[in-house]
């Protein structure tokens, strides 16, 4: 089945992260601009933070009060 645009961009970003991790001191901004990737999402992924699909659920009750 076909990937959604978001899933495709996540795959592209993950591929870029694998490459950037091989560099000693990567310039994430210049790589993002050269490869037409969203800089903020690429930087967040490079730092190991969540994306739209992996972030924790919001607005959950903390207790059963």
PDB file of N, CA and C in Angstrom:
ATOM      1  N   UNK A   1       0.834  -1.195   0.000  1.00  0.00           N
ATOM      2  CA  UNK A   1       0.000   0.000   0.000  1.00  0.00           C
ATOM      3  C   UNK A   1       0.873   1.251   0.000  1.00  0.00           C
ATOM      4  N   UNK A   2       0.283   2.335  -0.435  1.00  0.00           N
ATOM      5  CA  UNK A   2       1.026   3.586  -0.601  1.00  0.00           C
ATOM      6  C   UNK A   2       1.174   4.304   0.740  1.00  0.00           C
ATOM      7  N   UNK A   3       2.360   4.856   0.961  1.00  0.00           N
ATOM      8  CA  UNK A   3       2.590   5.639   2.176  1.00  0.00           C
ATOM      9  C   UNK A   3       1.907   6.993   2.061  1.00  0.00           C
ATOM     10  N   UNK A   4       1.425   7.507   3.194  1.00  0.00           N
ATOM     11  CA  UNK A   4       0.892   8.865   3.200  1.00  0.00           C
ATOM     12  C   UNK A   4       2.061   9.837   3.046  1.00  0.00           C
ATOM     13  N   UNK A   5       1.749  11.079   2.727  1.00  0.00           N
ATOM     14  CA  UNK A   5       2.802  12.089   2.596  1.00  0.00           C
ATOM     15  C   UNK A   5       3.598  12.210   3.888  1.00  0.00           C
ATOM     16  N   UNK A   6       2.886  12.171   5.028  1.00  0.00           N
ATOM     17  CA  UNK A   6       3.568  12.311   6.312  1.00  0.00           C
ATOM     18  C   UNK A   6       4.494  11.123   6.556  1.00  0.00           C
ATOM     19  N   UNK A   7       3.982   9.908   6.308  1.00  0.00           N
ATOM     20  CA  UNK A   7       4.809   8.717   6.509  1.00  0.00           C
ATOM     21  C   UNK A   7       6.028   8.729   5.593  1.00  0.00           C
ATOM     22  N   UNK A   8       5.851   9.224   4.371  1.00  0.00           N
ATOM     23  CA  UNK A   8       6.976   9.308   3.442  1.00  0.00           C
ATOM     24  C   UNK A   8       8.019  10.300   3.950  1.00  0.00           C
ATOM     25  N   UNK A   9       7.549  11.445   4.481  1.00  0.00           N
ATOM     26  CA  UNK A   9       8.505  12.429   4.983  1.00  0.00           C
ATOM     27  C   UNK A   9       9.214  11.905   6.233  1.00  0.00           C
ATOM     28  N   UNK A  10       8.503  11.135   7.068  1.00  0.00           N
ATOM     29  CA  UNK A  10       9.149  10.523   8.238  1.00  0.00           C
ATOM     30  C   UNK A  10      10.229   9.546   7.781  1.00  0.00           C
ATOM     31  N   UNK A  11       9.935   8.768   6.746  1.00  0.00           N
ATOM     32  CA  UNK A  11      10.926   7.827   6.219  1.00  0.00           C
ATOM     33  C   UNK A  11      12.142   8.578   5.672  1.00  0.00           C
ATOM     34  N   UNK A  12      11.896   9.679   4.958  1.00  0.00           N
ATOM     35  CA  UNK A  12      12.999  10.485   4.423  1.00  0.00           C
ATOM     36  C   UNK A  12      13.848  11.060   5.554  1.00  0.00           C
ATOM     37  N   UNK A  13      13.187  11.538   6.604  1.00  0.00           N
ATOM     38  CA  UNK A  13      13.901  12.115   7.745  1.00  0.00           C
ATOM     39  C   UNK A  13      14.722  11.038   8.451  1.00  0.00           C
ATOM     40  N   UNK A  14      14.141   9.848   8.635  1.00  0.00           N
ATOM     41  CA  UNK A  14      14.880   8.768   9.294  1.00  0.00           C
ATOM     42  C   UNK A  14      16.109   8.362   8.486  1.00  0.00           C
ATOM     43  N   UNK A  15      15.969   8.355   7.173  1.00  0.00           N
ATOM     44  CA  UNK A  15      17.108   8.049   6.309  1.00  0.00           C
ATOM     45  C   UNK A  15      18.193   9.126   6.464  1.00  0.00           C
ATOM     46  N   UNK A  16      17.771  10.384   6.532  1.00  0.00           N
ATOM     47  CA  UNK A  16      18.717  11.485   6.711  1.00  0.00           C
ATOM     48  C   UNK A  16      19.419  11.379   8.065  1.00  0.00           C
ATOM     49  N   UNK A  17      18.690  10.992   9.095  1.00  0.00           N
ATOM     50  CA  UNK A  17      19.273  10.858  10.434  1.00  0.00           C
ATOM     51  C   UNK A  17      20.350   9.781  10.433  1.00  0.00           C
ATOM     52  N   UNK A  18      20.068   8.653   9.769  1.00  0.00           N
ATOM     53  CA  UNK A  18      21.075   7.587   9.690  1.00  0.00           C
ATOM     54  C   UNK A  18      22.364   8.111   9.056  1.00  0.00           C
ATOM     55  N   UNK A  19      22.222   8.936   8.025  1.00  0.00           N
ATOM     56  CA  UNK A  19      23.408   9.503   7.376  1.00  0.00           C
ATOM     57  C   UNK A  19      24.102  10.522   8.293  1.00  0.00           C
ATOM     58  N   UNK A  20      23.316  11.426   8.894  1.00  0.00           N
ATOM     59  CA  UNK A  20      23.907  12.474   9.733  1.00  0.00           C
ATOM     60  C   UNK A  20      24.650  11.891  10.934  1.00  0.00           C
ATOM     61  N   UNK A  21      24.166  10.757  11.457  1.00  0.00           N
ATOM     62  CA  UNK A  21      24.819  10.134  12.617  1.00  0.00           C
ATOM     63  C   UNK A  21      26.210   9.613  12.265  1.00  0.00           C
ATOM     64  N   UNK A  22      26.491   9.431  10.961  1.00  0.00           N
ATOM     65  CA  UNK A  22      27.818   8.948  10.566  1.00  0.00           C
ATOM     66  C   UNK A  22      28.832  10.083  10.496  1.00  0.00           C
ATOM     67  N   UNK A  23      28.370  11.327  10.518  1.00  0.00           N
ATOM     68  CA  UNK A  23      29.268  12.474  10.403  1.00  0.00           C
ATOM     69  C   UNK A  23      29.750  12.915  11.779  1.00  0.00           C
ATOM     70  N   UNK A  24      30.991  13.397  11.890  1.00  0.00           N
ATOM     71  CA  UNK A  24      31.516  13.809  13.198  1.00  0.00           C
ATOM     72  C   UNK A  24      30.842  15.068  13.750  1.00  0.00           C
ATOM     73  N   UNK A  25      30.523  16.036  12.888  1.00  0.00           N
ATOM     74  CA  UNK A  25      29.909  17.281  13.355  1.00  0.00           C
ATOM     75  C   UNK A  25      28.950  17.793  12.277  1.00  0.00           C
ATOM     76  N   UNK A  26      27.781  17.152  12.142  1.00  0.00           N
ATOM     77  CA  UNK A  26      26.900  17.496  11.027  1.00  0.00           C
ATOM     78  C   UNK A  26      26.236  18.858  11.185  1.00  0.00           C
ATOM     79  N   UNK A  27      26.067  19.555  10.071  1.00  0.00           N
ATOM     80  CA  UNK A  27      25.313  20.797  10.044  1.00  0.00           C
ATOM     81  C   UNK A  27      23.898  20.443   9.585  1.00  0.00           C
ATOM     82  N   UNK A  28      22.989  20.312  10.554  1.00  0.00           N
ATOM     83  CA  UNK A  28      21.639  19.834  10.261  1.00  0.00           C
ATOM     84  C   UNK A  28      20.896  20.822   9.372  1.00  0.00           C
ATOM     85  N   UNK A  29      21.067  22.119   9.620  1.00  0.00           N
ATOM     86  CA  UNK A  29      20.342  23.115   8.822  1.00  0.00           C
ATOM     87  C   UNK A  29      20.742  23.055   7.348  1.00  0.00           C
ATOM     88  N   UNK A  30      22.036  23.036   7.066  1.00  0.00           N
ATOM     89  CA  UNK A  30      22.458  23.035   5.663  1.00  0.00           C
ATOM     90  C   UNK A  30      22.053  21.734   4.978  1.00  0.00           C
ATOM     91  N   UNK A  31      22.093  20.610   5.713  1.00  0.00           N
ATOM     92  CA  UNK A  31      21.657  19.339   5.126  1.00  0.00           C
ATOM     93  C   UNK A  31      20.160  19.389   4.820  1.00  0.00           C
ATOM     94  N   UNK A  32      19.371  19.948   5.742  1.00  0.00           N
ATOM     95  CA  UNK A  32      17.923  20.049   5.532  1.00  0.00           C
ATOM     96  C   UNK A  32      17.614  20.904   4.307  1.00  0.00           C
ATOM     97  N   UNK A  33      18.292  22.041   4.186  1.00  0.00           N
ATOM     98  CA  UNK A  33      18.042  22.925   3.047  1.00  0.00           C
ATOM     99  C   UNK A  33      18.488  22.279   1.739  1.00  0.00           C
ATOM    100  N   UNK A  34      19.632  21.606   1.750  1.00  0.00           N
ATOM    101  CA  UNK A  34      20.152  20.992   0.527  1.00  0.00           C
ATOM    102  C   UNK A  34      19.284  19.829   0.059  1.00  0.00           C
ATOM    103  N   UNK A  35      18.600  19.172   0.994  1.00  0.00           N
ATOM    104  CA  UNK A  35      17.805  17.994   0.651  1.00  0.00           C
ATOM    105  C   UNK A  35      16.307  18.244   0.740  1.00  0.00           C
ATOM    106  N   UNK A  36      15.919  19.509   0.859  1.00  0.00           N
ATOM    107  CA  UNK A  36      14.506  19.894   0.869  1.00  0.00           C
ATOM    108  C   UNK A  36      13.721  19.172   1.964  1.00  0.00           C
ATOM    109  N   UNK A  37      14.285  19.159   3.177  1.00  0.00           N
ATOM    110  CA  UNK A  37      13.628  18.552   4.327  1.00  0.00           C
ATOM    111  C   UNK A  37      13.288  19.643   5.339  1.00  0.00           C
ATOM    112  N   UNK A  38      12.215  19.450   6.130  1.00  0.00           N
ATOM    113  CA  UNK A  38      11.866  20.451   7.153  1.00  0.00           C
ATOM    114  C   UNK A  38      12.906  20.457   8.279  1.00  0.00           C
ATOM    115  N   UNK A  39      13.557  21.605   8.457  1.00  0.00           N
ATOM    116  CA  UNK A  39      14.668  21.706   9.408  1.00  0.00           C
ATOM    117  C   UNK A  39      14.254  21.358  10.838  1.00  0.00           C
ATOM    118  N   UNK A  40      13.151  21.937  11.322  1.00  0.00           N
ATOM    119  CA  UNK A  40      12.767  21.713  12.716  1.00  0.00           C
ATOM    120  C   UNK A  40      12.473  20.239  12.990  1.00  0.00           C
ATOM    121  N   UNK A  41      11.788  19.580  12.059  1.00  0.00           N
ATOM    122  CA  UNK A  41      11.481  18.158  12.243  1.00  0.00           C
ATOM    123  C   UNK A  41      12.750  17.320  12.173  1.00  0.00           C
ATOM    124  N   UNK A  42      13.658  17.688  11.269  1.00  0.00           N
ATOM    125  CA  UNK A  42      14.922  16.956  11.153  1.00  0.00           C
ATOM    126  C   UNK A  42      15.746  17.124  12.426  1.00  0.00           C
ATOM    127  N   UNK A  43      15.814  18.336  12.944  1.00  0.00           N
ATOM    128  CA  UNK A  43      16.574  18.588  14.168  1.00  0.00           C
ATOM    129  C   UNK A  43      15.963  17.835  15.348  1.00  0.00           C
ATOM    130  N   UNK A  44      14.644  17.857  15.460  1.00  0.00           N
ATOM    131  CA  UNK A  44      13.962  17.152  16.549  1.00  0.00           C
ATOM    132  C   UNK A  44      14.263  15.653  16.471  1.00  0.00           C
ATOM    133  N   UNK A  45      14.210  15.098  15.271  1.00  0.00           N
ATOM    134  CA  UNK A  45      14.508  13.674  15.095  1.00  0.00           C
ATOM    135  C   UNK A  45      15.972  13.386  15.408  1.00  0.00           C
ATOM    136  N   UNK A  46      16.853  14.286  15.008  1.00  0.00           N
ATOM    137  CA  UNK A  46      18.285  14.093  15.261  1.00  0.00           C
ATOM    138  C   UNK A  46      18.570  14.053  16.761  1.00  0.00           C
ATOM    139  N   UNK A  47      17.835  14.866  17.513  1.00  0.00           N
ATOM    140  CA  UNK A  47      18.012  14.900  18.966  1.00  0.00           C
ATOM    141  C   UNK A  47      17.303  13.735  19.654  1.00  0.00           C
ATOM    142  N   UNK A  48      16.498  12.975  18.893  1.00  0.00           N
ATOM    143  CA  UNK A  48      15.823  11.810  19.455  1.00  0.00           C
ATOM    144  C   UNK A  48      14.462  12.110  20.048  1.00  0.00           C
ATOM    145  N   UNK A  49      13.889  13.260  19.722  1.00  0.00           N
ATOM    146  CA  UNK A  49      12.576  13.601  20.262  1.00  0.00           C
ATOM    147  C   UNK A  49      11.460  12.955  19.447  1.00  0.00           C
ATOM    148  N   UNK A  50      10.233  13.134  19.918  1.00  0.00           N
ATOM    149  CA  UNK A  50       9.064  12.512  19.295  1.00  0.00           C
ATOM    150  C   UNK A  50       8.660  13.222  18.013  1.00  0.00           C
ATOM    151  N   UNK A  51       7.974  12.475  17.153  1.00  0.00           N
ATOM    152  CA  UNK A  51       7.299  13.095  16.024  1.00  0.00           C
ATOM    153  C   UNK A  51       5.798  13.000  16.267  1.00  0.00           C
ATOM    154  N   UNK A  52       5.010  13.369  15.285  1.00  0.00           N
ATOM    155  CA  UNK A  52       3.563  13.445  15.458  1.00  0.00           C
ATOM    156  C   UNK A  52       2.955  12.093  15.841  1.00  0.00           C
ATOM    157  N   UNK A  53       3.546  11.006  15.379  1.00  0.00           N
ATOM    158  CA  UNK A  53       2.966   9.687  15.635  1.00  0.00           C
ATOM    159  C   UNK A  53       3.546   8.995  16.864  1.00  0.00           C
ATOM    160  N   UNK A  54       4.701   9.431  17.339  1.00  0.00           N
ATOM    161  CA  UNK A  54       5.319   8.736  18.475  1.00  0.00           C
ATOM    162  C   UNK A  54       5.191   9.511  19.780  1.00  0.00           C
ATOM    163  N   UNK A  55       4.630  10.711  19.731  1.00  0.00           N
ATOM    164  CA  UNK A  55       4.537  11.485  20.972  1.00  0.00           C
ATOM    165  C   UNK A  55       3.496  10.864  21.907  1.00  0.00           C
ATOM    166  N   UNK A  56       3.628  11.126  23.216  1.00  0.00           N
ATOM    167  CA  UNK A  56       2.664  10.575  24.171  1.00  0.00           C
ATOM    168  C   UNK A  56       1.267  11.155  23.944  1.00  0.00           C
ATOM    169  N   UNK A  57       0.263  10.378  24.328  1.00  0.00           N
ATOM    170  CA  UNK A  57      -1.106  10.870  24.215  1.00  0.00           C
ATOM    171  C   UNK A  57      -1.303  12.054  25.156  1.00  0.00           C
ATOM    172  N   UNK A  58      -2.217  12.939  24.777  1.00  0.00           N
ATOM    173  CA  UNK A  58      -2.471  14.126  25.590  1.00  0.00           C
ATOM    174  C   UNK A  58      -3.830  14.024  26.268  1.00  0.00           C
ATOM    175  N   UNK A  59      -4.028  14.868  27.264  1.00  0.00           N
ATOM    176  CA  UNK A  59      -5.329  15.045  27.894  1.00  0.00           C
ATOM    177  C   UNK A  59      -5.853  13.782  28.559  1.00  0.00           C
ATOM    178  N   UNK A  60      -4.971  13.007  29.180  1.00  0.00           N
ATOM    179  CA  UNK A  60      -5.400  11.823  29.906  1.00  0.00           C
ATOM    180  C   UNK A  60      -5.574  12.176  31.379  1.00  0.00           C
ATOM    181  N   UNK A  61      -6.533  11.542  32.022  1.00  0.00           N
ATOM    182  CA  UNK A  61      -6.719  11.766  33.451  1.00  0.00           C
ATOM    183  C   UNK A  61      -5.528  11.211  34.223  1.00  0.00           C
ATOM    184  N   UNK A  62      -5.081  11.945  35.224  1.00  0.00           N
ATOM    185  CA  UNK A  62      -3.948  11.489  36.011  1.00  0.00           C
ATOM    186  C   UNK A  62      -4.374  10.511  37.098  1.00  0.00           C
ATOM    187  N   UNK A  63      -5.594  10.683  37.612  1.00  0.00           N
ATOM    188  CA  UNK A  63      -6.088   9.784  38.655  1.00  0.00           C
ATOM    189  C   UNK A  63      -7.517   9.392  38.321  1.00  0.00           C
ATOM    190  N   UNK A  64      -8.042   8.425  39.047  1.00  0.00           N
ATOM    191  CA  UNK A  64      -9.429   7.996  38.859  1.00  0.00           C
ATOM    192  C   UNK A  64     -10.351   8.709  39.837  1.00  0.00           C
ATOM    193  N   UNK A  65     -10.080   9.950  40.143  1.00  0.00           N
ATOM    194  CA  UNK A  65     -10.828  10.703  41.142  1.00  0.00           C
ATOM    195  C   UNK A  65     -12.289  10.866  40.762  1.00  0.00           C
TER     196      UNK A  65
END
